[in-house]
Amino acid sequence: MRALAARVRPFAREAFGVVGASETVQGVVGNSPDELHQAEDEKARWTMVEIELAAMLSGVAAANLVRGQRIAQAAPQAYNISSQLAILLGRRVLRRLLIHM
């Protein structure tokens, strides 16, 4: 569908002129030249929205990746520190820490 849209773009304005020149062509196409120009303008605006949304999604994905990396670093650190504390401070602390592991 995208390939077709890319091929149609160069001569679309010429085709709109043909639609305006012939009521028969306009009847078959089912749109007036003004409607086709409006559709072309709407497509251009929505293309810009699409680009902006893609950029926003990319930013959200990058931020989430950073969050995941931070979690991946913090989890083993917390485990190692609590294990070392348990060894250093004895069984009572070990029992309290094991509840959370």
Protein backbone atom coordinates (compact mmCIF):
# COMPACT_ATOMS: atom_id res chain seq x y z
CA MET A 1 0.00 0.00 0.00
CA ARG A 2 2.86 2.39 0.83
CA ALA A 3 4.58 1.59 -2.45
CA LEU A 4 1.41 2.41 -4.35
CA ALA A 5 1.00 5.71 -2.47
CA ALA A 6 4.60 6.66 -3.26
CA ARG A 7 4.10 5.98 -6.98
CA VAL A 8 0.81 7.90 -7.12
CA ARG A 9 2.10 11.07 -5.46
CA PRO A 10 3.99 12.59 -8.44
CA PHE A 11 1.02 12.70 -10.76
CA ALA A 12 -1.84 13.03 -8.25
CA ARG A 13 -2.33 16.76 -8.89
CA GLU A 14 -2.54 16.10 -12.65
CA ALA A 15 -5.14 13.43 -12.01
CA PHE A 16 -7.17 15.84 -9.87
CA GLY A 17 -7.25 18.18 -12.86
CA VAL A 18 -8.67 15.41 -15.05
CA VAL A 19 -11.34 14.72 -12.43
CA GLY A 20 -12.31 18.40 -12.55
CA ALA A 21 -12.38 18.48 -16.35
CA SER A 22 -14.73 15.53 -16.78
CA GLU A 23 -17.97 14.89 -14.93
CA THR A 24 -17.81 11.30 -16.13
CA VAL A 25 -14.39 10.78 -14.54
CA GLN A 26 -15.56 12.57 -11.40
CA GLY A 27 -18.62 10.30 -11.22
CA VAL A 28 -16.51 7.16 -11.55
CA VAL A 29 -13.87 8.36 -9.06
CA GLY A 30 -16.58 9.47 -6.65
CA ASN A 31 -14.77 12.61 -5.50
CA SER A 32 -14.56 16.19 -6.66
CA PRO A 33 -11.15 17.81 -7.19
CA ASP A 34 -11.68 19.85 -4.01
CA GLU A 35 -12.35 16.67 -2.01
CA LEU A 36 -9.21 15.07 -3.42
CA HIS A 37 -7.11 18.15 -2.60
CA GLN A 38 -8.56 18.16 0.92
CA ALA A 39 -7.72 14.46 1.31
CA GLU A 40 -4.17 15.18 0.15
CA ASP A 41 -3.85 18.01 2.71
CA GLU A 42 -5.24 15.79 5.47
CA LYS A 43 -2.78 13.06 4.56
CA ALA A 44 0.12 15.51 4.81
CA ARG A 45 -1.04 16.68 8.26
CA TRP A 46 -1.58 13.13 9.52
CA THR A 47 1.85 12.14 8.18
CA MET A 48 3.33 14.83 10.43
CA VAL A 49 1.32 13.48 13.39
CA GLU A 50 2.59 9.98 12.58
CA ILE A 51 6.21 11.22 12.55
CA GLU A 52 5.76 13.03 15.88
CA LEU A 53 4.13 9.99 17.50
CA ALA A 54 6.94 7.73 16.25
CA ALA A 55 9.50 10.11 17.78
CA MET A 56 7.58 10.19 21.05
CA LEU A 57 7.34 6.39 21.16
CA SER A 58 11.06 6.14 20.51
CA GLY A 59 11.73 8.47 23.45
CA VAL A 60 9.45 6.45 25.75
CA ALA A 61 11.16 3.21 24.70
CA ALA A 62 14.61 4.70 25.35
CA ALA A 63 13.57 5.94 28.80
CA ASN A 64 12.14 2.53 29.64
CA LEU A 65 15.37 0.87 28.55
CA VAL A 66 17.29 3.09 30.98
CA ARG A 67 14.84 2.15 33.76
CA GLY A 68 15.38 -1.52 33.00
CA GLN A 69 19.16 -1.10 33.14
CA ARG A 70 18.89 0.70 36.48
CA ILE A 71 16.78 -2.15 37.88
CA ALA A 72 19.20 -4.73 36.47
CA GLN A 73 22.04 -3.03 38.35
CA ALA A 74 20.20 -2.41 41.61
CA ALA A 75 18.72 -5.88 42.13
CA PRO A 76 22.00 -7.86 42.32
CA GLN A 77 23.59 -5.05 44.35
CA ALA A 78 20.81 -5.20 46.93
CA TYR A 79 21.09 -8.98 47.11
CA ASN A 80 24.88 -8.92 47.53
CA ILE A 81 24.84 -6.20 50.17
CA SER A 82 22.10 -7.88 52.18
CA SER A 83 23.96 -11.21 51.97
CA GLN A 84 27.16 -9.59 53.23
CA LEU A 85 25.29 -7.84 56.04
CA ALA A 86 23.68 -11.11 57.08
CA ILE A 87 27.09 -12.77 57.28
CA LEU A 88 28.58 -9.89 59.24
CA LEU A 89 25.68 -9.28 61.62
CA GLY A 90 24.56 -12.80 62.40
CA ARG A 91 21.58 -15.11 62.23
CA ARG A 92 18.93 -12.74 63.58
CA VAL A 93 19.58 -10.23 60.82
CA LEU A 94 19.85 -13.09 58.34
CA ARG A 95 16.32 -14.25 59.21
CA ARG A 96 14.94 -10.72 58.77
CA LEU A 97 16.67 -10.34 55.43
CA LEU A 98 15.61 -13.75 54.15
CA ILE A 99 11.98 -12.74 54.57
CA HIS A 100 12.53 -10.14 51.85
CA MET A 101 14.60 -12.26 49.46
